[in-house]
Amino acid sequence: MPDSREFRLPAGVLRHRIQIQSESNARDANGGVIKSWNTVATRWGKIRPLSGRELIAAEQVDSRVTHEITIRYYPGLTSLFRLVHDSRVFNISSPPRDIDERKKVMILQATEDTSP
């Protein structure tokens, strides 16, 4: 019988298909660096914009946090990665939290990149 304190997600909550991307650098013909992003995994997730009150609380950690993103566990995920859903890009602002430390679900604080 599962532990009643275990974190659970109702069916259908993770409805966004989210790509986890890592940065890679390559040299161009002139010796310059070309930055690109490669998809390393795809997970189902939930993207939730933070409310005004939550934004105020989040600013104590990082003033740019705009969204909370819940995804299925991905080992080694850090703020060096980014998340992409459709054409939206989210930069991870703080270390991901493994909710019940069972390597099933992670919650991330993120900033939506609105630059062109």
C-alpha atoms as a PDB file:
ATOM      1  CA  MET A   1       0.000   0.000   0.000  1.00  0.00           C
ATOM      2  CA  PRO A   2       1.487   3.418  -0.974  1.00  0.00           C
ATOM      3  CA  ASP A   3       2.465   5.911   1.688  1.00  0.00           C
ATOM      4  CA  SER A   4      -0.407   8.412   2.118  1.00  0.00           C
ATOM      5  CA  ARG A   5       2.131  11.246   2.357  1.00  0.00           C
ATOM      6  CA  GLU A   6       3.413  10.520  -1.155  1.00  0.00           C
ATOM      7  CA  PHE A   7       3.042  13.414  -3.606  1.00  0.00           C
ATOM      8  CA  ARG A   8       0.433  12.569  -6.238  1.00  0.00           C
ATOM      9  CA  LEU A   9      -0.659  14.219  -9.445  1.00  0.00           C
ATOM     10  CA  PRO A  10      -4.244  13.830 -10.611  1.00  0.00           C
ATOM     11  CA  ALA A  11      -4.621  12.303 -14.067  1.00  0.00           C
ATOM     12  CA  GLY A  12      -4.379  14.873 -16.857  1.00  0.00           C
ATOM     13  CA  VAL A  13      -2.474  17.521 -14.898  1.00  0.00           C
ATOM     14  CA  LEU A  14       0.718  17.070 -16.925  1.00  0.00           C
ATOM     15  CA  ARG A  15      -0.708  18.181 -20.279  1.00  0.00           C
ATOM     16  CA  HIS A  16       2.177  20.180 -21.783  1.00  0.00           C
ATOM     17  CA  ARG A  17       4.847  18.408 -23.859  1.00  0.00           C
ATOM     18  CA  ILE A  18       8.106  19.988 -22.671  1.00  0.00           C
ATOM     19  CA  GLN A  19      11.537  19.613 -24.247  1.00  0.00           C
ATOM     20  CA  ILE A  20      14.586  19.666 -21.970  1.00  0.00           C
ATOM     21  CA  GLN A  21      17.482  21.276 -23.821  1.00  0.00           C
ATOM     22  CA  SER A  22      21.199  21.588 -23.107  1.00  0.00           C
ATOM     23  CA  GLU A  23      23.532  24.190 -24.529  1.00  0.00           C
ATOM     24  CA  SER A  24      26.401  23.276 -26.818  1.00  0.00           C
ATOM     25  CA  ASN A  25      29.091  25.450 -28.346  1.00  0.00           C
ATOM     26  CA  ALA A  26      30.890  24.969 -31.624  1.00  0.00           C
ATOM     27  CA  ARG A  27      33.508  26.978 -33.498  1.00  0.00           C
ATOM     28  CA  ASP A  28      32.669  28.637 -36.787  1.00  0.00           C
ATOM     29  CA  ALA A  29      35.144  29.022 -39.706  1.00  0.00           C
ATOM     30  CA  ASN A  30      36.470  32.285 -38.232  1.00  0.00           C
ATOM     31  CA  GLY A  31      37.115  30.824 -34.773  1.00  0.00           C
ATOM     32  CA  GLY A  32      34.017  32.387 -33.217  1.00  0.00           C
ATOM     33  CA  VAL A  33      31.709  30.475 -30.923  1.00  0.00           C
ATOM     34  CA  ILE A  34      28.279  29.422 -32.125  1.00  0.00           C
ATOM     35  CA  LYS A  35      25.840  28.635 -29.307  1.00  0.00           C
ATOM     36  CA  SER A  36      23.053  26.153 -29.986  1.00  0.00           C
ATOM     37  CA  TRP A  37      20.532  24.185 -27.956  1.00  0.00           C
ATOM     38  CA  ASN A  38      19.926  20.455 -28.319  1.00  0.00           C
ATOM     39  CA  THR A  39      16.897  18.562 -27.035  1.00  0.00           C
ATOM     40  CA  VAL A  40      18.093  15.838 -24.666  1.00  0.00           C
ATOM     41  CA  ALA A  41      14.704  14.657 -23.392  1.00  0.00           C
ATOM     42  CA  THR A  42      10.994  15.288 -23.640  1.00  0.00           C
ATOM     43  CA  ARG A  43       8.681  15.099 -20.639  1.00  0.00           C
ATOM     44  CA  TRP A  44       5.026  15.702 -19.885  1.00  0.00           C
ATOM     45  CA  GLY A  45       4.613  18.695 -17.618  1.00  0.00           C
ATOM     46  CA  LYS A  46       2.484  21.464 -16.229  1.00  0.00           C
ATOM     47  CA  ILE A  47       3.309  25.137 -16.809  1.00  0.00           C
ATOM     48  CA  ARG A  48       1.715  27.487 -14.314  1.00  0.00           C
ATOM     49  CA  PRO A  49       2.151  31.271 -14.321  1.00  0.00           C
ATOM     50  CA  LEU A  50       2.717  32.595 -10.817  1.00  0.00           C
ATOM     51  CA  SER A  51       0.103  34.840  -9.245  1.00  0.00           C
ATOM     52  CA  GLY A  52       0.956  38.304  -7.918  1.00  0.00           C
ATOM     53  CA  ARG A  53       1.362  37.074  -4.355  1.00  0.00           C
ATOM     54  CA  GLU A  54       3.513  34.135  -5.480  1.00  0.00           C
ATOM     55  CA  LEU A  55       5.653  36.511  -7.563  1.00  0.00           C
ATOM     56  CA  ILE A  56       6.317  38.624  -4.473  1.00  0.00           C
ATOM     57  CA  ALA A  57       7.377  35.521  -2.526  1.00  0.00           C
ATOM     58  CA  ALA A  58       9.507  34.278  -5.451  1.00  0.00           C
ATOM     59  CA  GLU A  59      11.306  37.610  -5.709  1.00  0.00           C
ATOM     60  CA  GLN A  60      12.935  36.838  -2.386  1.00  0.00           C
ATOM     61  CA  VAL A  61      14.792  34.074  -4.247  1.00  0.00           C
ATOM     62  CA  ASP A  62      14.983  35.449  -7.795  1.00  0.00           C
ATOM     63  CA  SER A  63      13.231  38.584  -9.022  1.00  0.00           C
ATOM     64  CA  ARG A  64      12.755  37.171 -12.514  1.00  0.00           C
ATOM     65  CA  VAL A  65      10.779  34.025 -11.680  1.00  0.00           C
ATOM     66  CA  THR A  66       7.509  34.033 -13.637  1.00  0.00           C
ATOM     67  CA  HIS A  67       6.402  30.380 -13.819  1.00  0.00           C
ATOM     68  CA  GLU A  68       6.359  27.160 -11.858  1.00  0.00           C
ATOM     69  CA  ILE A  69       6.880  24.098 -14.023  1.00  0.00           C
ATOM     70  CA  THR A  70       6.163  20.551 -12.889  1.00  0.00           C
ATOM     71  CA  ILE A  71       7.655  17.690 -14.905  1.00  0.00           C
ATOM     72  CA  ARG A  72       8.328  14.007 -14.628  1.00  0.00           C
ATOM     73  CA  TYR A  73      11.739  13.407 -13.068  1.00  0.00           C
ATOM     74  CA  TYR A  74      14.846  13.942 -15.190  1.00  0.00           C
ATOM     75  CA  PRO A  75      18.186  13.039 -13.527  1.00  0.00           C
ATOM     76  CA  GLY A  76      20.915  15.673 -13.590  1.00  0.00           C
ATOM     77  CA  LEU A  77      18.624  18.584 -14.465  1.00  0.00           C
ATOM     78  CA  THR A  78      20.160  21.915 -13.404  1.00  0.00           C
ATOM     79  CA  SER A  79      19.805  25.603 -14.202  1.00  0.00           C
ATOM     80  CA  LEU A  80      22.247  25.066 -17.101  1.00  0.00           C
ATOM     81  CA  PHE A  81      19.365  23.507 -19.045  1.00  0.00           C
ATOM     82  CA  ARG A  82      16.298  25.227 -20.465  1.00  0.00           C
ATOM     83  CA  LEU A  83      12.751  24.069 -21.134  1.00  0.00           C
ATOM     84  CA  VAL A  84      10.788  24.608 -24.337  1.00  0.00           C
ATOM     85  CA  HIS A  85       7.048  24.228 -24.900  1.00  0.00           C
ATOM     86  CA  ASP A  86       5.791  25.042 -28.403  1.00  0.00           C
ATOM     87  CA  SER A  87       7.689  28.265 -29.208  1.00  0.00           C
ATOM     88  CA  ARG A  88       8.024  29.352 -25.562  1.00  0.00           C
ATOM     89  CA  VAL A  89      11.410  29.155 -23.837  1.00  0.00           C
ATOM     90  CA  PHE A  90      11.838  28.910 -20.059  1.00  0.00           C
ATOM     91  CA  ASN A  91      15.146  29.363 -18.242  1.00  0.00           C
ATOM     92  CA  ILE A  92      15.445  27.434 -14.981  1.00  0.00           C
ATOM     93  CA  SER A  93      16.032  29.907 -12.139  1.00  0.00           C
ATOM     94  CA  SER A  94      16.879  27.664  -9.194  1.00  0.00           C
ATOM     95  CA  PRO A  95      17.779  24.034  -8.515  1.00  0.00           C
ATOM     96  CA  PRO A  96      14.880  21.687  -9.298  1.00  0.00           C
ATOM     97  CA  ARG A  97      13.027  20.224  -6.307  1.00  0.00           C
ATOM     98  CA  ASP A  98      12.418  16.471  -6.203  1.00  0.00           C
ATOM     99  CA  ILE A  99       9.055  16.723  -4.437  1.00  0.00           C
ATOM    100  CA  ASP A 100       8.938  13.561  -2.374  1.00  0.00           C
ATOM    101  CA  GLU A 101      12.548  12.491  -3.018  1.00  0.00           C
ATOM    102  CA  ARG A 102      11.305   9.461  -4.933  1.00  0.00           C
ATOM    103  CA  LYS A 103      12.608  10.560  -8.347  1.00  0.00           C
ATOM    104  CA  LYS A 104       9.124  10.803  -9.843  1.00  0.00           C
ATOM    105  CA  VAL A 105       8.208  14.498 -10.057  1.00  0.00           C
ATOM    106  CA  MET A 106      10.239  17.736 -10.120  1.00  0.00           C
ATOM    107  CA  ILE A 107       9.108  21.318  -9.605  1.00  0.00           C
ATOM    108  CA  LEU A 108      11.122  24.124 -11.178  1.00  0.00           C
ATOM    109  CA  GLN A 109      11.016  27.883 -10.798  1.00  0.00           C
ATOM    110  CA  ALA A 110      11.518  29.400 -14.246  1.00  0.00           C
ATOM    111  CA  THR A 111      11.654  32.645 -16.184  1.00  0.00           C
ATOM    112  CA  GLU A 112      10.037  32.891 -19.587  1.00  0.00           C
ATOM    113  CA  ASP A 113      12.499  34.214 -22.162  1.00  0.00           C
ATOM    114  CA  THR A 114      10.653  36.884 -24.102  1.00  0.00           C
ATOM    115  CA  SER A 115      13.605  38.109 -26.152  1.00  0.00           C
ATOM    116  CA  PRO A 116      13.162  37.841 -29.945  1.00  0.00           C
END
